[in-house]
Amino acid sequence: MKKTILIFIYAAIGNAYLFSQDNGIPSSGSPPDTGTLKLNLDGIYNRPFLQTGKFPVSIGGYLEANSSYFATDGISEGLSFQFKRMTIFFSSTIAERIKFLSEIEFEDGTKEINIELAAVDVAFHPLVNLRAGIVINPIGGFNQNHDGPKWDFIDRPISATTIIPSTFSNAGFGLFGKYSRSNFIWSYEAYLTNGLDDNIIANSENRTFLPAGKLNPDRFEESFNGIPLITAKTSFRHRAIGEIGLSWMGGVFNKFEDDGLVFDKKRRVDLLAIDINTTLLGIQTSLNGEWVWAFIDVPSTYTQQFGNKQQGGFLDIVQPILHDEIFGWKQSVINLAVRFEYVDYNVGTFKETGGDIADEIFAVVPGVSFRPTQQTVFRANYRYHSQKDILGNPSAHTAGFQFGFSTYF
């Protein structure tokens, strides 16, 4: 089955390249009134696509690959090469103001194949648009706008992958819309989808781990407990200031009832996130950050290593240092960048001693990137992070180098 899917996709891409023209996403039928100011909401539209003449389907995608060498407290497994992922986009304008979008991701070669997005958008009005199918739950900014070529760092943020389930999507529907006036734009999204399950506390990580909720393949066809997960986000952007987004995702994660027999109370999981991005106009420094809080009603039968509160976030600072023709590429850019990260998987204290529960990571990632075009980035990162176990023992220190690239195609 995997071979059949791959053959179909490669054939489609090859056909597109033979007869393609670079239309860009605006001409492929995005909802009306998207305006010139772009939000994280527009991430799934703001991508390069290829189209074959009057062929009704547009195709695009991106891939990421890198090498890495890391050592933890002086112990290393040597140099590795990684093919992180290849993602394929399909887009089709079915009729006026009715559009289909999909995103299929191949991770670690074909070790994992995931449908991250497969939805129909119906535009009634700039303020009222329907999206239904497999939708991306818009918790935080990175989850909405995660394409590798848009970022100057090889690894995805720790908080956006180990507290927020990275690129979390689910079957459901909802509404989204935008309102713009002069230099200001406001947007909202609200979705009902199938939710998380008790894998978030019953998993091989031996801690509360929300990404384990992605392990349930049945979440695309039925709800684990019959109660929908609610995700809502609102964002504000000013041309001269930047964007700020507030989002919430919450619902019941346990199976509290079966065939009318109640055997547990309803246990909730709630995430609250704030994300920001801006550019300092005088020096063109880009700031992009996110912070998330997670609240989980862990049963009292679980040990204290399963946290009922988590928090974490990141801040990216990217400074262009050269914008010129380099090796024949006329719009090349070289950036210096640094990312600061922190996650605490178990916010609180031990009941017995009152001491801090210290299951946490701090990381700093300086790097340099080269963009021959805006659609391709070559990246070199040095990653250092310090990790404490639940008891607060002396930190384990990990450091190493990464070199890689990411490109749309």
Protein backbone atom coordinates (compact mmCIF):
# COMPACT_ATOMS: atom_id res chain seq x y z
CA MET A 1 0.00 0.00 0.00
CA LYS A 2 2.84 2.41 0.87
CA LYS A 3 4.50 1.72 -2.49
CA THR A 4 1.24 2.43 -4.33
CA ILE A 5 0.82 5.76 -2.51
CA LEU A 6 4.41 6.77 -3.24
CA ILE A 7 4.17 5.85 -6.94
CA PHE A 8 0.98 7.91 -7.30
CA ILE A 9 2.46 10.96 -5.56
CA TYR A 10 5.76 10.89 -7.46
CA ALA A 11 3.91 10.50 -10.75
CA ALA A 12 1.66 13.43 -9.94
CA ILE A 13 4.61 15.62 -9.00
CA GLY A 14 6.49 14.65 -12.15
CA ASN A 15 3.48 15.49 -14.30
CA ALA A 16 3.12 18.84 -12.55
CA TYR A 17 6.75 19.77 -13.22
CA LEU A 18 6.44 18.97 -16.92
CA PHE A 19 3.66 21.48 -17.43
CA SER A 20 3.88 23.72 -14.37
CA GLN A 21 3.58 27.38 -13.66
CA ASP A 22 4.24 28.83 -10.22
CA ASN A 23 0.84 30.17 -9.28
CA GLY A 24 1.39 30.75 -5.57
CA ILE A 25 -1.41 30.15 -3.15
CA PRO A 26 -3.45 33.36 -3.59
CA SER A 27 -4.47 32.45 -7.16
CA SER A 28 -5.45 28.91 -6.12
CA GLY A 29 -8.66 29.99 -4.48
CA SER A 30 -8.13 31.00 -0.86
CA PRO A 31 -11.12 32.44 1.01
CA PRO A 32 -11.91 36.06 0.10
CA ASP A 33 -10.51 39.10 1.85
CA THR A 34 -7.32 37.51 3.13
CA GLY A 35 -5.68 40.89 2.62
CA THR A 36 -1.99 41.69 2.47
CA LEU A 37 -1.37 41.16 6.20
CA LYS A 38 -0.75 37.48 6.87
CA LEU A 39 -1.48 35.65 10.10
CA ASN A 40 -0.54 32.18 11.35
CA LEU A 41 -4.09 31.32 10.29
CA ASP A 42 -2.96 31.78 6.69
CA GLY A 43 -0.12 29.26 7.02
CA ILE A 44 -1.95 26.51 5.13
CA TYR A 45 -2.63 28.89 2.21
CA ASN A 46 0.67 30.75 2.19
CA ARG A 47 2.62 28.04 0.34
CA PRO A 48 3.97 27.64 -3.20
CA PHE A 49 1.89 25.35 -5.42
CA LEU A 50 2.31 23.98 -8.94
CA GLN A 51 -0.54 23.56 -11.41
CA THR A 52 -0.71 21.90 -14.82
CA GLY A 53 -2.63 24.19 -17.13
CA LYS A 54 -6.33 23.57 -16.51
CA PHE A 55 -5.67 20.47 -14.39
CA PRO A 56 -8.00 20.94 -11.36
CA VAL A 57 -5.48 19.88 -8.68
CA SER A 58 -2.48 21.95 -7.54
CA ILE A 59 0.49 20.19 -5.94
CA GLY A 60 3.26 21.35 -3.63
CA GLY A 61 5.27 20.22 -0.66
CA TYR A 62 8.50 20.46 1.26
CA LEU A 63 11.22 18.21 2.60
CA GLU A 64 13.74 18.38 5.44
CA ALA A 65 17.04 16.56 5.92
CA ASN A 66 20.05 17.09 8.15
CA SER A 67 23.09 15.61 9.85
CA SER A 68 23.69 15.69 13.59
CA TYR A 69 26.41 14.96 16.11
CA PHE A 70 25.46 15.04 19.80
CA ALA A 71 27.04 14.06 23.08
CA THR A 72 25.41 13.76 26.50
CA ASP A 73 27.81 14.19 29.42
CA GLY A 74 30.69 13.27 27.11
CA ILE A 75 29.05 10.16 25.63
CA SER A 76 28.20 10.25 21.91
CA GLU A 77 26.69 7.87 19.39
CA GLY A 78 28.59 9.60 16.60
CA LEU A 79 27.47 11.24 13.39
CA SER A 80 24.01 10.54 12.00
CA PHE A 81 22.15 11.58 8.86
CA GLN A 82 18.43 12.13 9.12
CA PHE A 83 15.69 12.44 6.56
CA LYS A 84 13.15 14.04 8.85
CA ARG A 85 10.13 14.37 6.63
CA MET A 86 8.62 14.96 3.23
CA THR A 87 5.23 16.61 3.10
CA ILE A 88 2.91 16.73 0.08
CA PHE A 89 0.18 19.36 -0.39
CA PHE A 90 -2.84 18.91 -2.62
CA SER A 91 -5.24 21.76 -3.32
CA SER A 92 -8.28 22.04 -5.53
CA THR A 93 -10.88 24.73 -6.16
CA ILE A 94 -14.07 22.68 -6.42
CA ALA A 95 -16.30 25.65 -7.19
CA GLU A 96 -16.37 29.34 -6.46
CA ARG A 97 -15.59 29.78 -2.75
CA ILE A 98 -15.37 26.00 -2.17
CA LYS A 99 -11.85 24.67 -1.79
CA PHE A 100 -10.22 21.38 -0.83
CA LEU A 101 -6.86 21.32 0.99
CA SER A 102 -4.77 18.37 2.13
CA GLU A 103 -1.36 17.74 3.69
CA ILE A 104 0.22 14.27 3.80
CA GLU A 105 3.45 13.80 5.75
CA PHE A 106 6.06 11.04 5.41
CA GLU A 107 8.35 10.97 8.45
CA ASP A 108 11.67 9.14 8.81
CA GLY A 109 11.48 7.85 5.24
CA THR A 110 8.14 6.03 5.31
CA LYS A 111 8.29 4.92 8.93
CA GLU A 112 5.23 7.06 9.56
CA ILE A 113 2.64 8.30 7.08
CA ASN A 114 0.17 10.82 8.48
CA ILE A 115 -2.70 12.82 7.06
CA GLU A 116 -2.29 16.16 8.82
CA LEU A 117 -4.98 18.02 6.88
CA ALA A 118 -7.78 16.95 4.56
CA ALA A 119 -10.53 19.52 4.69
CA VAL A 120 -13.04 21.43 2.62
CA ASP A 121 -13.29 25.20 3.10
CA VAL A 122 -16.57 26.89 2.22
CA ALA A 123 -16.39 30.69 2.19
CA PHE A 124 -19.74 32.35 2.94
CA HIS A 125 -18.28 35.70 4.00
CA PRO A 126 -14.83 36.93 5.08
CA LEU A 127 -16.06 36.64 8.67
CA VAL A 128 -17.81 33.27 8.28
CA ASN A 129 -16.07 30.31 6.64
CA LEU A 130 -16.73 26.64 7.25
CA ARG A 131 -13.93 24.06 7.47
CA ALA A 132 -14.72 20.34 7.77
CA GLY A 133 -12.80 17.07 7.49
CA ILE A 134 -9.43 16.48 9.14
CA VAL A 135 -8.51 19.87 10.56
CA ILE A 136 -5.39 21.12 12.36
CA ASN A 137 -6.28 22.13 15.90
CA PRO A 138 -4.97 25.73 16.14
CA ILE A 139 -3.34 25.61 19.58
CA GLY A 140 -0.37 27.97 19.61
CA GLY A 141 1.22 29.53 16.56
CA PHE A 142 3.68 26.82 15.53
CA ASN A 143 0.98 24.16 15.15
CA GLN A 144 -0.66 26.31 12.46
CA ASN A 145 2.45 27.46 10.64
CA HIS A 146 4.95 24.61 10.97
CA ASP A 147 6.45 24.22 7.47
CA GLY A 148 10.20 23.58 7.73
CA PRO A 149 11.32 26.16 5.11
CA LYS A 150 9.75 28.95 7.16
CA TRP A 151 12.04 28.34 10.13
CA ASP A 152 15.76 28.95 10.69
CA PHE A 153 16.17 26.03 13.10
CA ILE A 154 16.45 22.33 12.29
CA ASP A 155 14.52 20.92 15.26
CA ARG A 156 10.99 21.92 16.05
CA PRO A 157 10.47 23.70 19.41
CA ILE A 158 10.43 21.36 22.41
CA SER A 159 7.28 22.90 23.92
CA ALA A 160 5.46 22.68 20.58
CA THR A 161 6.27 18.97 20.22
CA THR A 162 6.25 17.56 23.78
CA ILE A 163 3.60 19.65 25.55
CA ILE A 164 1.46 20.66 22.59
CA PRO A 165 1.02 17.61 20.34
CA SER A 166 3.01 18.76 17.29
CA THR A 167 0.86 19.38 14.19
CA PHE A 168 -2.08 17.87 16.06
CA SER A 169 -5.07 17.31 13.81
CA ASN A 170 -8.36 15.52 14.12
CA ALA A 171 -11.67 14.80 12.43
CA GLY A 172 -14.24 17.51 12.94
CA PHE A 173 -15.52 20.87 11.73
CA GLY A 174 -15.65 24.51 12.67
CA LEU A 175 -15.75 28.14 11.62
CA PHE A 176 -13.05 30.71 10.96
CA GLY A 177 -12.99 34.27 9.73
CA LYS A 178 -11.08 37.53 9.44
CA TYR A 179 -11.78 41.22 9.58
CA SER A 180 -9.31 43.80 8.34
CA ARG A 181 -9.27 47.55 8.38
CA SER A 182 -6.36 49.77 7.37
CA ASN A 183 -3.25 48.46 9.19
CA PHE A 184 -5.15 46.15 11.52
CA ILE A 185 -6.49 42.61 11.12
CA TRP A 186 -8.39 40.31 13.50
CA SER A 187 -9.15 36.62 13.09
CA TYR A 188 -10.84 33.78 14.91
CA GLU A 189 -11.12 30.00 14.66
CA ALA A 190 -13.39 27.58 16.55
CA TYR A 191 -13.58 23.82 16.00
CA LEU A 192 -15.28 20.73 17.40
CA THR A 193 -13.23 17.57 16.83
CA ASN A 194 -12.63 14.12 18.24
CA GLY A 195 -10.39 14.44 21.26
CA LEU A 196 -7.44 13.09 23.19
CA ASP A 197 -7.50 9.79 25.09
CA ASP A 198 -5.95 8.21 28.16
CA ASN A 199 -2.70 7.54 26.26
CA ILE A 200 -1.67 10.96 27.55
CA ILE A 201 -1.09 9.39 30.98
CA ALA A 202 -0.77 5.69 30.04
CA ASN A 203 2.28 5.75 27.80
CA SER A 204 5.88 4.59 27.49
CA GLU A 205 7.25 8.02 28.51
CA ASN A 206 6.23 7.37 32.14
CA ARG A 207 5.04 10.94 32.50
CA THR A 208 2.07 13.01 31.44
CA PHE A 209 2.72 13.28 27.70
CA LEU A 210 0.03 14.86 25.55
CA PRO A 211 1.60 13.95 22.16
CA ALA A 212 0.84 10.29 22.98
CA GLY A 213 -2.75 11.19 22.15
CA LYS A 214 -1.69 11.07 18.49
CA LEU A 215 -1.01 7.33 18.78
CA ASN A 216 -4.70 6.44 18.59
CA PRO A 217 -5.44 5.76 14.88
CA ASP A 218 -9.17 5.52 15.59
CA ARG A 219 -9.42 9.23 16.42
CA PHE A 220 -10.23 9.95 12.76
CA GLU A 221 -13.32 7.73 12.81
CA GLU A 222 -14.75 7.88 16.32
CA SER A 223 -14.48 9.75 19.59
CA PHE A 224 -12.75 7.96 22.46
CA ASN A 225 -15.45 8.97 24.94
CA GLY A 226 -18.19 10.69 22.96
CA ILE A 227 -17.34 14.22 24.13
CA PRO A 228 -15.85 16.57 21.51
CA LEU A 229 -12.60 18.45 21.96
CA ILE A 230 -13.04 22.22 21.62
CA THR A 231 -10.30 24.38 20.12
CA ALA A 232 -10.61 28.15 19.82
CA LYS A 233 -8.17 30.86 18.82
CA THR A 234 -8.20 34.57 18.20
CA SER A 235 -5.37 36.66 16.72
CA PHE A 236 -4.67 40.35 16.26
CA ARG A 237 -2.11 41.86 13.95
CA HIS A 238 -0.98 45.42 13.28
CA ARG A 239 1.26 46.16 10.32
CA ALA A 240 3.82 48.08 12.38
CA ILE A 241 3.62 46.05 15.60
CA GLY A 242 3.12 42.38 14.76
CA GLU A 243 0.79 39.52 15.70
CA ILE A 244 -0.42 38.16 19.00
CA GLY A 245 -2.56 35.05 19.29
CA LEU A 246 -4.50 33.53 22.19
CA SER A 247 -5.69 29.93 21.94
CA TRP A 248 -7.37 27.29 24.07
CA MET A 249 -7.96 23.58 23.57
CA GLY A 250 -9.86 21.48 26.07
CA GLY A 251 -12.00 18.41 26.61
CA VAL A 252 -12.48 15.14 28.47
CA PHE A 253 -9.69 12.60 27.84
CA ASN A 254 -10.78 9.50 29.78
CA LYS A 255 -13.44 6.86 29.09
CA PHE A 256 -15.68 7.48 32.06
CA GLU A 257 -18.66 5.44 30.90
CA ASP A 258 -19.27 2.29 28.88
CA ASP A 259 -22.67 0.89 27.92
CA GLY A 260 -24.32 3.08 30.55
CA LEU A 261 -22.00 1.97 33.35
CA VAL A 262 -20.18 4.91 34.95
CA PHE A 263 -16.79 3.93 36.39
CA ASP A 264 -14.90 7.24 36.68
CA LYS A 265 -15.54 10.95 36.73
CA LYS A 266 -14.96 13.03 33.62
CA ARG A 267 -11.29 14.04 33.59
CA ARG A 268 -10.32 17.10 31.60
CA VAL A 269 -7.24 18.26 29.78
CA ASP A 270 -6.95 21.96 28.95
CA LEU A 271 -4.21 23.87 27.12
CA LEU A 272 -3.87 27.64 27.02
CA ALA A 273 -1.29 29.25 24.71
CA ILE A 274 -0.10 32.69 23.72
CA ASP A 275 2.02 33.31 20.63
CA ILE A 276 3.66 36.41 19.25
CA ASN A 277 5.64 37.38 16.17
CA THR A 278 6.96 40.74 15.10
CA THR A 279 9.75 42.40 13.14
CA LEU A 280 11.67 45.37 14.49
CA LEU A 281 11.41 47.62 11.45
CA GLY A 282 14.57 49.63 11.98
CA ILE A 283 16.95 46.65 12.08
CA GLN A 284 14.68 43.92 10.61
CA THR A 285 15.11 41.67 13.64
CA SER A 286 12.43 38.98 13.73
CA LEU A 287 10.98 37.79 17.05
CA ASN A 288 8.80 34.70 17.17
CA GLY A 289 7.68 33.11 20.42
CA GLU A 290 5.11 30.97 22.14
CA TRP A 291 4.20 29.92 25.70
CA VAL A 292 1.78 27.15 26.68
CA TRP A 293 0.20 25.95 29.91
CA ALA A 294 -1.36 22.47 30.19
CA PHE A 295 -3.71 21.35 32.96
CA ILE A 296 -4.48 17.64 33.30
CA ASP A 297 -6.79 15.95 35.80
CA VAL A 298 -4.49 13.00 36.61
CA PRO A 299 -6.11 10.26 38.76
CA SER A 300 -4.89 10.07 42.35
CA THR A 301 -3.89 6.43 41.74
CA TYR A 302 -0.98 7.66 39.57
CA THR A 303 2.34 8.54 41.17
CA GLN A 304 3.55 12.13 41.36
CA GLN A 305 5.83 11.66 38.35
CA PHE A 306 2.68 12.18 36.26
CA GLY A 307 2.25 15.93 36.37
CA ASN A 308 -1.14 17.61 36.45
CA LYS A 309 0.33 20.89 35.22
CA GLN A 310 2.93 21.57 32.52
CA GLN A 311 4.31 24.72 30.95
CA GLY A 312 6.92 25.76 28.44
CA GLY A 313 7.77 27.90 25.49
CA PHE A 314 10.35 29.27 23.10
CA LEU A 315 11.63 32.53 21.68
CA ASP A 316 13.34 32.79 18.28
CA ILE A 317 15.44 35.85 17.44
CA VAL A 318 16.53 36.07 13.79
CA GLN A 319 18.74 38.89 12.48
CA PRO A 320 19.54 39.30 8.75
CA ILE A 321 23.19 40.25 8.32
CA LEU A 322 23.50 40.13 4.53
CA HIS A 323 20.94 40.61 1.79
CA ASP A 324 22.65 40.49 -1.59
CA GLU A 325 23.41 38.42 -4.67
CA ILE A 326 25.35 35.33 -3.53
CA PHE A 327 26.57 32.63 -5.95
CA GLY A 328 24.21 34.02 -8.59
CA TRP A 329 21.09 34.02 -6.42
CA LYS A 330 19.94 37.62 -6.52
CA GLN A 331 17.70 37.67 -3.42
CA SER A 332 19.93 35.69 -1.05
CA VAL A 333 19.83 36.29 2.69
CA ILE A 334 22.17 35.21 5.48
CA ASN A 335 20.67 35.22 8.98
CA LEU A 336 22.09 34.88 12.45
CA ALA A 337 19.61 33.26 14.84
CA VAL A 338 19.20 32.05 18.38
CA ARG A 339 16.40 30.11 20.07
CA PHE A 340 15.76 29.96 23.82
CA GLU A 341 13.59 27.10 25.10
CA TYR A 342 12.21 25.93 28.41
CA VAL A 343 9.76 23.18 29.39
CA ASP A 344 8.59 21.98 32.79
CA TYR A 345 6.73 18.68 32.53
CA ASN A 346 5.64 18.63 36.16
CA VAL A 347 4.90 22.00 37.74
CA GLY A 348 4.51 21.61 41.49
CA THR A 349 6.00 20.20 44.67
CA PHE A 350 6.21 16.77 46.29
CA LYS A 351 3.44 16.16 48.81
CA GLU A 352 5.76 14.51 51.29
CA THR A 353 8.65 17.00 51.37
CA GLY A 354 7.39 20.18 49.75
CA GLY A 355 10.43 20.11 47.46
CA ASP A 356 10.23 21.15 43.85
CA ILE A 357 9.38 18.54 41.21
CA ALA A 358 12.12 19.19 38.66
CA ASP A 359 11.28 17.35 35.44
CA GLU A 360 12.44 20.17 33.16
CA ILE A 361 14.63 21.17 30.21
CA PHE A 362 16.37 24.42 29.32
CA ALA A 363 17.92 24.78 25.86
CA VAL A 364 19.69 27.41 23.80
CA VAL A 365 20.25 27.01 20.06
CA PRO A 366 22.43 29.55 18.20
CA GLY A 367 22.69 29.16 14.46
CA VAL A 368 23.23 30.63 11.03
CA SER A 369 21.06 30.16 7.95
CA PHE A 370 21.47 30.85 4.25
CA ARG A 371 18.45 31.44 2.03
CA PRO A 372 19.26 31.49 -1.70
CA THR A 373 15.52 32.04 -2.16
CA GLN A 374 12.67 32.43 0.30
CA GLN A 375 11.57 28.86 -0.46
CA THR A 376 14.86 27.18 0.49
CA VAL A 377 16.96 27.40 3.64
CA PHE A 378 20.32 25.85 4.57
CA ARG A 379 20.82 25.75 8.34
CA ALA A 380 23.67 25.20 10.79
CA ASN A 381 22.74 24.96 14.47
CA TYR A 382 24.60 24.35 17.70
CA ARG A 383 22.24 22.88 20.29
CA TYR A 384 22.88 22.85 24.02
CA HIS A 385 20.34 21.72 26.56
CA SER A 386 20.33 20.92 30.24
CA GLN A 387 17.81 18.42 31.59
CA LYS A 388 16.89 17.61 35.18
CA ASP A 389 15.06 14.47 36.25
CA ILE A 390 12.02 14.47 38.51
CA LEU A 391 14.15 14.42 41.69
CA GLY A 392 16.28 17.40 40.69
CA ASN A 393 19.52 15.45 40.47
CA PRO A 394 22.49 17.14 38.74
CA SER A 395 21.52 18.04 35.18
CA ALA A 396 22.35 15.94 32.15
CA HIS A 397 24.04 18.18 29.57
CA THR A 398 23.58 17.52 25.85
CA ALA A 399 25.39 19.48 23.14
CA GLY A 400 26.06 19.05 19.47
CA PHE A 401 26.00 20.35 15.92
CA GLN A 402 23.38 20.04 13.21
CA PHE A 403 23.65 20.88 9.51
CA GLY A 404 20.75 20.56 7.13
CA PHE A 405 18.29 22.10 4.70
CA SER A 406 14.60 22.45 4.07
CA THR A 407 12.93 23.44 0.84
CA TYR A 408 9.56 23.77 -0.79
CA PHE A 409 9.17 22.06 -4.15
